[in-house]
């Protein structure tokens, strides 16, 4: 069985620090000095991570499949 890992990226220059991601997925995001940061870059798949990326008002969060680089959030 193949295990999938996701990579979480936050574009610091785009992030406005709304905190929606940290509120949606507090185990995966934290706001520090007005900018969101992933609490860890690599994570197991979790619906909350996708919800956080989709909820970002400026689309500063990207979630990719580590093994393929495929962007899975935000959806276009």
C-alpha atoms as a PDB file:
ATOM      1  CA  UNK A   1       0.000   0.000   0.000  1.00  0.00           C
ATOM      2  CA  UNK A   2       1.391   3.395  -1.018  1.00  0.00           C
ATOM      3  CA  UNK A   3       1.269   6.130   1.565  1.00  0.00           C
ATOM      4  CA  UNK A   4       0.480   9.639   0.399  1.00  0.00           C
ATOM      5  CA  UNK A   5       1.969  12.746   1.964  1.00  0.00           C
ATOM      6  CA  UNK A   6       0.862  16.303   1.356  1.00  0.00           C
ATOM      7  CA  UNK A   7       3.038  19.413   1.287  1.00  0.00           C
ATOM      8  CA  UNK A   8       1.591  22.652   2.660  1.00  0.00           C
ATOM      9  CA  UNK A   9       2.942  25.961   1.389  1.00  0.00           C
ATOM     10  CA  UNK A  10       1.938  29.478   2.448  1.00  0.00           C
ATOM     11  CA  UNK A  11       3.012  32.380   0.250  1.00  0.00           C
ATOM     12  CA  UNK A  12       4.106  34.901   2.862  1.00  0.00           C
ATOM     13  CA  UNK A  13       3.968  37.869   0.489  1.00  0.00           C
ATOM     14  CA  UNK A  14       0.343  37.103  -0.356  1.00  0.00           C
ATOM     15  CA  UNK A  15      -0.922  36.116   3.116  1.00  0.00           C
ATOM     16  CA  UNK A  16      -2.908  38.839   4.897  1.00  0.00           C
ATOM     17  CA  UNK A  17      -2.952  37.036   8.257  1.00  0.00           C
ATOM     18  CA  UNK A  18      -6.730  36.639   8.451  1.00  0.00           C
ATOM     19  CA  UNK A  19      -6.295  33.531  10.619  1.00  0.00           C
ATOM     20  CA  UNK A  20      -9.062  31.589   8.881  1.00  0.00           C
ATOM     21  CA  UNK A  21      -6.634  28.752   8.197  1.00  0.00           C
ATOM     22  CA  UNK A  22      -5.548  28.561  11.839  1.00  0.00           C
ATOM     23  CA  UNK A  23      -9.193  28.582  12.918  1.00  0.00           C
ATOM     24  CA  UNK A  24     -10.101  25.877  10.418  1.00  0.00           C
ATOM     25  CA  UNK A  25      -7.059  23.635  10.932  1.00  0.00           C
ATOM     26  CA  UNK A  26      -5.294  24.696  14.149  1.00  0.00           C
ATOM     27  CA  UNK A  27      -3.097  21.594  14.155  1.00  0.00           C
ATOM     28  CA  UNK A  28      -1.734  22.574  10.739  1.00  0.00           C
ATOM     29  CA  UNK A  29      -1.503  26.402  10.730  1.00  0.00           C
ATOM     30  CA  UNK A  30      -0.435  29.186  13.082  1.00  0.00           C
ATOM     31  CA  UNK A  31      -0.387  32.948  12.586  1.00  0.00           C
ATOM     32  CA  UNK A  32       2.894  34.507  13.664  1.00  0.00           C
ATOM     33  CA  UNK A  33       3.763  38.183  13.222  1.00  0.00           C
ATOM     34  CA  UNK A  34       0.707  38.714  11.022  1.00  0.00           C
ATOM     35  CA  UNK A  35       1.463  35.869   8.598  1.00  0.00           C
ATOM     36  CA  UNK A  36       0.232  32.295   8.526  1.00  0.00           C
ATOM     37  CA  UNK A  37       2.743  29.457   8.671  1.00  0.00           C
ATOM     38  CA  UNK A  38       2.195  25.714   8.408  1.00  0.00           C
ATOM     39  CA  UNK A  39       3.002  24.056  11.727  1.00  0.00           C
ATOM     40  CA  UNK A  40       4.756  21.403   9.622  1.00  0.00           C
ATOM     41  CA  UNK A  41       5.333  21.418   5.884  1.00  0.00           C
ATOM     42  CA  UNK A  42       4.627  17.705   5.372  1.00  0.00           C
ATOM     43  CA  UNK A  43       1.399  16.149   6.596  1.00  0.00           C
ATOM     44  CA  UNK A  44      -0.839  13.170   6.202  1.00  0.00           C
ATOM     45  CA  UNK A  45      -3.970  13.887   4.143  1.00  0.00           C
ATOM     46  CA  UNK A  46      -6.589  15.743   6.191  1.00  0.00           C
ATOM     47  CA  UNK A  47      -9.843  17.316   5.041  1.00  0.00           C
ATOM     48  CA  UNK A  48      -9.250  20.310   7.345  1.00  0.00           C
ATOM     49  CA  UNK A  49      -6.080  21.210   5.427  1.00  0.00           C
ATOM     50  CA  UNK A  50      -8.069  21.347   2.184  1.00  0.00           C
ATOM     51  CA  UNK A  51     -10.804  23.369   3.891  1.00  0.00           C
ATOM     52  CA  UNK A  52      -8.205  25.856   5.156  1.00  0.00           C
ATOM     53  CA  UNK A  53      -6.671  26.268   1.692  1.00  0.00           C
ATOM     54  CA  UNK A  54     -10.079  26.730   0.090  1.00  0.00           C
ATOM     55  CA  UNK A  55     -11.106  29.242   2.791  1.00  0.00           C
ATOM     56  CA  UNK A  56      -8.070  31.506   2.406  1.00  0.00           C
ATOM     57  CA  UNK A  57      -9.434  34.844   1.122  1.00  0.00           C
ATOM     58  CA  UNK A  58      -6.282  35.554  -0.928  1.00  0.00           C
ATOM     59  CA  UNK A  59      -5.426  31.954  -1.954  1.00  0.00           C
ATOM     60  CA  UNK A  60      -2.050  32.112  -0.208  1.00  0.00           C
ATOM     61  CA  UNK A  61      -2.129  28.396   0.712  1.00  0.00           C
ATOM     62  CA  UNK A  62      -1.190  25.625  -1.706  1.00  0.00           C
ATOM     63  CA  UNK A  63      -1.521  21.931  -0.907  1.00  0.00           C
ATOM     64  CA  UNK A  64       0.339  19.455  -3.111  1.00  0.00           C
ATOM     65  CA  UNK A  65       0.741  15.698  -3.263  1.00  0.00           C
ATOM     66  CA  UNK A  66       4.399  15.265  -2.302  1.00  0.00           C
ATOM     67  CA  UNK A  67       4.998  12.285  -4.538  1.00  0.00           C
ATOM     68  CA  UNK A  68       3.657  13.882  -7.748  1.00  0.00           C
ATOM     69  CA  UNK A  69       3.620  17.647  -7.124  1.00  0.00           C
ATOM     70  CA  UNK A  70      -0.057  17.729  -8.105  1.00  0.00           C
ATOM     71  CA  UNK A  71      -1.873  20.753  -6.650  1.00  0.00           C
ATOM     72  CA  UNK A  72      -4.982  19.580  -4.839  1.00  0.00           C
ATOM     73  CA  UNK A  73      -5.971  22.878  -3.208  1.00  0.00           C
ATOM     74  CA  UNK A  74      -7.082  25.440  -3.862  1.00  0.00           C
ATOM     75  CA  UNK A  75      -9.212  24.141  -6.674  1.00  0.00           C
ATOM     76  CA  UNK A  76      -9.261  26.269  -9.781  1.00  0.00           C
END
